[in-house]
Amino acid sequence: MPDDTRHEILIGLHVSNDDRYDQYRAGMTPILTEHGGFFRYDFRVNEQLKGDEDPSINRVFILSFPDEETKTRFFENETYKAVRSDHFDSSVELVSSIATFNHAHA
C-alpha cells in the first residue's frame, strides 16, 4: 500500500486587509497546486480565547504538502516570493506558525 502521509503546517494569521489578502491567495494558489500542495482546512476566526499573539489571530489554516522538501521548494519559489511581496506583506500583520506535523490521509 502506498504511503499517503503528507507534511502539513498549521498557521494562524492576523489579516488586516482582506482585499489584498484575497489577491495574495489568488496569486499563490496556482503555485501551491503546482507543488502538490493544497489548503486542507481554512477558517476565519472571530474570537481568540487564548494566545500570546497581539493582534489576535483571525485566520487559521492547514497547508498540506507531499513532503517537507516540497514545502521548502514552494516557499523558496521566486514566483511565490514575488506574489507574497506584492500582496501578503501589506495585508497580514501577524504570522504564527502553530505546528508542523506529518499526517496520514485515509
N, C-alpha and C. Protein backbone atom coordinates (compact mmCIF):
# COMPACT_ATOMS: atom_id res chain seq x y z
N MET A 1 0.85 -1.17 0.00
CA MET A 1 0.00 0.00 0.00
C MET A 1 0.90 1.24 0.00
N PRO A 2 0.60 2.27 -0.84
CA PRO A 2 1.44 3.46 -0.90
C PRO A 2 1.34 4.28 0.38
N ASP A 3 2.41 5.01 0.67
CA ASP A 3 2.44 5.89 1.83
C ASP A 3 1.66 7.16 1.50
N ASP A 4 0.57 7.42 2.19
CA ASP A 4 -0.24 8.61 1.96
C ASP A 4 -0.01 9.67 3.02
N THR A 5 1.15 9.64 3.65
CA THR A 5 1.49 10.63 4.67
C THR A 5 1.90 11.93 4.00
N ARG A 6 1.37 13.03 4.50
CA ARG A 6 1.69 14.35 3.95
C ARG A 6 2.30 15.21 5.05
N HIS A 7 3.13 16.14 4.65
CA HIS A 7 3.74 17.10 5.56
C HIS A 7 2.82 18.31 5.63
N GLU A 8 2.43 18.71 6.85
CA GLU A 8 1.45 19.78 6.97
C GLU A 8 1.89 20.81 8.00
N ILE A 9 1.41 22.04 7.78
CA ILE A 9 1.70 23.12 8.72
C ILE A 9 0.40 23.82 9.09
N LEU A 10 0.26 24.10 10.37
CA LEU A 10 -0.89 24.82 10.91
C LEU A 10 -0.44 26.25 11.16
N ILE A 11 -1.11 27.19 10.50
CA ILE A 11 -0.72 28.60 10.55
C ILE A 11 -1.88 29.44 11.05
N GLY A 12 -1.57 30.43 11.88
CA GLY A 12 -2.53 31.45 12.28
C GLY A 12 -2.06 32.80 11.77
N LEU A 13 -2.97 33.61 11.30
CA LEU A 13 -2.65 34.94 10.80
C LEU A 13 -3.56 35.98 11.43
N HIS A 14 -3.09 37.21 11.44
CA HIS A 14 -3.99 38.34 11.62
C HIS A 14 -3.98 39.09 10.29
N VAL A 15 -5.07 38.93 9.54
CA VAL A 15 -5.22 39.60 8.25
C VAL A 15 -5.85 40.96 8.51
N SER A 16 -5.18 42.02 8.06
CA SER A 16 -5.67 43.37 8.29
C SER A 16 -6.30 44.00 7.05
N ASN A 17 -6.07 43.37 5.87
CA ASN A 17 -6.65 43.87 4.63
C ASN A 17 -7.14 42.68 3.81
N ASP A 18 -8.43 42.40 3.91
CA ASP A 18 -8.99 41.22 3.25
C ASP A 18 -8.86 41.27 1.74
N ASP A 19 -9.03 42.43 1.13
CA ASP A 19 -8.94 42.53 -0.33
C ASP A 19 -7.54 42.17 -0.82
N ARG A 20 -6.53 42.72 -0.20
CA ARG A 20 -5.14 42.41 -0.61
C ARG A 20 -4.80 40.96 -0.29
N TYR A 21 -5.30 40.45 0.83
CA TYR A 21 -5.05 39.05 1.17
C TYR A 21 -5.72 38.13 0.14
N ASP A 22 -6.92 38.48 -0.31
CA ASP A 22 -7.58 37.70 -1.35
C ASP A 22 -6.76 37.70 -2.63
N GLN A 23 -6.13 38.82 -2.96
CA GLN A 23 -5.25 38.89 -4.14
C GLN A 23 -4.05 37.97 -3.95
N TYR A 24 -3.50 37.96 -2.75
CA TYR A 24 -2.39 37.05 -2.44
C TYR A 24 -2.81 35.60 -2.65
N ARG A 25 -3.96 35.23 -2.08
CA ARG A 25 -4.43 33.84 -2.20
C ARG A 25 -4.68 33.47 -3.65
N ALA A 26 -5.24 34.39 -4.44
CA ALA A 26 -5.50 34.11 -5.85
C ALA A 26 -4.19 33.91 -6.61
N GLY A 27 -3.16 34.64 -6.24
CA GLY A 27 -1.87 34.52 -6.92
C GLY A 27 -1.05 33.32 -6.47
N MET A 28 -1.15 32.96 -5.19
CA MET A 28 -0.30 31.89 -4.69
C MET A 28 -0.90 30.50 -4.86
N THR A 29 -2.22 30.41 -4.97
CA THR A 29 -2.86 29.09 -5.03
C THR A 29 -2.41 28.27 -6.24
N PRO A 30 -2.30 28.83 -7.44
CA PRO A 30 -1.80 28.02 -8.55
C PRO A 30 -0.36 27.53 -8.34
N ILE A 31 0.46 28.33 -7.68
CA ILE A 31 1.84 27.92 -7.39
C ILE A 31 1.83 26.79 -6.37
N LEU A 32 0.98 26.92 -5.36
CA LEU A 32 0.82 25.87 -4.36
C LEU A 32 0.40 24.56 -5.02
N THR A 33 -0.57 24.64 -5.92
CA THR A 33 -1.07 23.46 -6.63
C THR A 33 0.03 22.81 -7.46
N GLU A 34 0.84 23.64 -8.14
CA GLU A 34 1.96 23.12 -8.94
C GLU A 34 2.95 22.33 -8.08
N HIS A 35 3.03 22.66 -6.81
CA HIS A 35 3.93 21.97 -5.89
C HIS A 35 3.24 20.81 -5.18
N GLY A 36 2.05 20.46 -5.61
CA GLY A 36 1.33 19.35 -4.99
C GLY A 36 0.73 19.70 -3.65
N GLY A 37 0.60 20.99 -3.37
CA GLY A 37 0.05 21.43 -2.09
C GLY A 37 -1.39 21.88 -2.22
N PHE A 38 -2.02 22.00 -1.06
CA PHE A 38 -3.40 22.49 -1.00
C PHE A 38 -3.73 22.91 0.42
N PHE A 39 -4.84 23.68 0.56
CA PHE A 39 -5.35 24.04 1.87
C PHE A 39 -6.26 22.90 2.33
N ARG A 40 -5.85 22.19 3.39
CA ARG A 40 -6.68 21.11 3.89
C ARG A 40 -7.85 21.66 4.71
N TYR A 41 -7.58 22.69 5.51
CA TYR A 41 -8.60 23.42 6.24
C TYR A 41 -8.29 24.90 6.12
N ASP A 42 -9.33 25.73 6.22
CA ASP A 42 -9.16 27.18 6.13
C ASP A 42 -10.32 27.82 6.88
N PHE A 43 -10.01 28.60 7.92
CA PHE A 43 -11.04 29.19 8.78
C PHE A 43 -10.85 30.69 8.94
N ARG A 44 -11.95 31.41 9.00
CA ARG A 44 -11.96 32.78 9.52
C ARG A 44 -12.35 32.65 10.99
N VAL A 45 -11.61 33.32 11.85
CA VAL A 45 -11.83 33.22 13.29
C VAL A 45 -12.28 34.59 13.79
N ASN A 46 -13.38 34.62 14.53
CA ASN A 46 -13.85 35.92 15.00
C ASN A 46 -13.59 36.16 16.49
N GLU A 47 -13.05 35.16 17.19
CA GLU A 47 -12.71 35.36 18.59
C GLU A 47 -11.59 34.42 18.98
N GLN A 48 -10.51 34.97 19.52
CA GLN A 48 -9.41 34.16 20.03
C GLN A 48 -9.52 34.12 21.54
N LEU A 49 -9.72 32.94 22.10
CA LEU A 49 -9.93 32.81 23.54
C LEU A 49 -8.62 32.79 24.32
N LYS A 50 -7.56 32.28 23.70
CA LYS A 50 -6.28 32.20 24.38
C LYS A 50 -5.18 32.28 23.34
N GLY A 51 -4.09 32.92 23.69
CA GLY A 51 -2.95 33.01 22.80
C GLY A 51 -2.05 34.16 23.19
N ASP A 52 -0.81 34.06 22.78
CA ASP A 52 0.17 35.08 23.11
C ASP A 52 0.23 36.19 22.06
N GLU A 53 -0.49 36.03 20.96
CA GLU A 53 -0.37 36.93 19.84
C GLU A 53 -1.12 38.24 20.07
N ASP A 54 -0.52 39.31 19.59
CA ASP A 54 -1.19 40.61 19.57
C ASP A 54 -0.78 41.29 18.28
N PRO A 55 -1.65 41.55 17.35
CA PRO A 55 -3.09 41.38 17.44
C PRO A 55 -3.49 39.90 17.37
N SER A 56 -4.72 39.63 17.72
CA SER A 56 -5.18 38.24 17.77
C SER A 56 -5.31 37.65 16.36
N ILE A 57 -5.26 36.35 16.31
CA ILE A 57 -5.39 35.59 15.07
C ILE A 57 -6.83 35.67 14.58
N ASN A 58 -7.00 35.92 13.26
CA ASN A 58 -8.34 35.92 12.69
C ASN A 58 -8.47 34.99 11.48
N ARG A 59 -7.38 34.31 11.12
CA ARG A 59 -7.41 33.28 10.08
C ARG A 59 -6.55 32.12 10.55
N VAL A 60 -7.03 30.89 10.34
CA VAL A 60 -6.30 29.68 10.70
C VAL A 60 -6.46 28.70 9.54
N PHE A 61 -5.35 28.06 9.15
CA PHE A 61 -5.43 27.09 8.06
C PHE A 61 -4.33 26.06 8.17
N ILE A 62 -4.54 24.95 7.49
CA ILE A 62 -3.52 23.92 7.35
C ILE A 62 -3.14 23.84 5.89
N LEU A 63 -1.85 24.00 5.61
CA LEU A 63 -1.30 23.76 4.28
C LEU A 63 -0.74 22.35 4.25
N SER A 64 -1.08 21.61 3.21
CA SER A 64 -0.65 20.22 3.07
C SER A 64 0.27 20.08 1.87
N PHE A 65 1.41 19.42 2.07
CA PHE A 65 2.40 19.19 1.02
C PHE A 65 2.74 17.69 0.96
N PRO A 66 3.23 17.22 -0.19
CA PRO A 66 3.62 15.82 -0.28
C PRO A 66 4.71 15.44 0.72
N ASP A 67 5.64 16.38 1.00
CA ASP A 67 6.73 16.12 1.93
C ASP A 67 7.37 17.45 2.33
N GLU A 68 8.28 17.41 3.28
CA GLU A 68 8.90 18.63 3.79
C GLU A 68 9.75 19.33 2.73
N GLU A 69 10.42 18.56 1.89
CA GLU A 69 11.26 19.15 0.85
C GLU A 69 10.42 19.96 -0.14
N THR A 70 9.25 19.45 -0.49
CA THR A 70 8.35 20.16 -1.40
C THR A 70 7.87 21.45 -0.76
N LYS A 71 7.56 21.41 0.53
CA LYS A 71 7.15 22.63 1.25
C LYS A 71 8.26 23.68 1.15
N THR A 72 9.49 23.27 1.38
CA THR A 72 10.62 24.19 1.32
C THR A 72 10.77 24.77 -0.08
N ARG A 73 10.65 23.93 -1.12
CA ARG A 73 10.75 24.42 -2.50
C ARG A 73 9.65 25.43 -2.80
N PHE A 74 8.45 25.19 -2.31
CA PHE A 74 7.34 26.12 -2.52
C PHE A 74 7.67 27.49 -1.94
N PHE A 75 8.07 27.55 -0.68
CA PHE A 75 8.33 28.83 -0.03
C PHE A 75 9.57 29.52 -0.58
N GLU A 76 10.47 28.78 -1.24
CA GLU A 76 11.66 29.37 -1.85
C GLU A 76 11.45 29.72 -3.32
N ASN A 77 10.31 29.37 -3.89
CA ASN A 77 10.00 29.63 -5.29
C ASN A 77 9.95 31.15 -5.54
N GLU A 78 10.67 31.60 -6.57
CA GLU A 78 10.76 33.04 -6.84
C GLU A 78 9.42 33.65 -7.21
N THR A 79 8.59 32.94 -7.95
CA THR A 79 7.27 33.46 -8.31
C THR A 79 6.41 33.62 -7.06
N TYR A 80 6.47 32.62 -6.16
CA TYR A 80 5.74 32.72 -4.90
C TYR A 80 6.23 33.93 -4.10
N LYS A 81 7.54 34.10 -4.02
CA LYS A 81 8.09 35.22 -3.25
C LYS A 81 7.62 36.56 -3.79
N ALA A 82 7.49 36.67 -5.11
CA ALA A 82 7.01 37.92 -5.72
C ALA A 82 5.55 38.18 -5.35
N VAL A 83 4.72 37.15 -5.42
CA VAL A 83 3.30 37.29 -5.04
C VAL A 83 3.20 37.68 -3.57
N ARG A 84 3.99 37.03 -2.75
CA ARG A 84 3.98 37.34 -1.31
C ARG A 84 4.38 38.78 -1.07
N SER A 85 5.42 39.23 -1.73
CA SER A 85 5.90 40.60 -1.56
C SER A 85 4.85 41.61 -2.02
N ASP A 86 4.17 41.32 -3.12
CA ASP A 86 3.18 42.24 -3.68
C ASP A 86 1.91 42.34 -2.84
N HIS A 87 1.49 41.24 -2.20
CA HIS A 87 0.17 41.24 -1.57
C HIS A 87 0.14 40.82 -0.10
N PHE A 88 0.92 39.82 0.27
CA PHE A 88 0.85 39.28 1.63
C PHE A 88 1.39 40.27 2.65
N ASP A 89 2.58 40.79 2.37
CA ASP A 89 3.25 41.62 3.37
C ASP A 89 2.45 42.87 3.74
N SER A 90 1.63 43.37 2.82
CA SER A 90 0.83 44.56 3.10
C SER A 90 -0.58 44.23 3.61
N SER A 91 -0.89 42.95 3.74
CA SER A 91 -2.24 42.58 4.18
C SER A 91 -2.26 41.77 5.48
N VAL A 92 -1.10 41.34 5.95
CA VAL A 92 -1.04 40.48 7.13
C VAL A 92 -0.13 41.14 8.17
N GLU A 93 -0.67 41.31 9.39
CA GLU A 93 0.09 41.92 10.48
C GLU A 93 0.82 40.90 11.34
N LEU A 94 0.33 39.67 11.37
CA LEU A 94 0.90 38.66 12.25
C LEU A 94 0.86 37.30 11.57
N VAL A 95 1.97 36.56 11.67
CA VAL A 95 2.02 35.17 11.21
C VAL A 95 2.48 34.34 12.39
N SER A 96 1.69 33.33 12.74
CA SER A 96 2.05 32.44 13.83
C SER A 96 2.09 31.01 13.31
N SER A 97 3.28 30.43 13.28
CA SER A 97 3.42 29.03 12.89
C SER A 97 3.12 28.19 14.12
N ILE A 98 1.92 27.62 14.14
CA ILE A 98 1.44 26.92 15.33
C ILE A 98 2.00 25.52 15.44
N ALA A 99 2.05 24.78 14.32
CA ALA A 99 2.54 23.40 14.37
C ALA A 99 2.94 22.93 12.98
N THR A 100 3.89 22.01 12.96
CA THR A 100 4.30 21.29 11.76
C THR A 100 4.21 19.82 12.11
N PHE A 101 3.61 19.04 11.20
CA PHE A 101 3.42 17.62 11.51
C PHE A 101 3.25 16.83 10.23
N ASN A 102 3.38 15.52 10.35
CA ASN A 102 3.07 14.60 9.27
C ASN A 102 1.72 13.97 9.56
N HIS A 103 0.89 13.90 8.52
CA HIS A 103 -0.48 13.43 8.70
C HIS A 103 -0.76 12.32 7.68
N ALA A 104 -1.18 11.18 8.16
CA ALA A 104 -1.53 10.07 7.28
C ALA A 104 -2.98 10.25 6.81
N HIS A 105 -3.17 10.36 5.51
CA HIS A 105 -4.52 10.52 4.94
C HIS A 105 -5.08 9.15 4.58
N ALA A 106 -6.33 8.98 4.83
CA ALA A 106 -7.00 7.72 4.51
C ALA A 106 -7.31 7.61 3.04
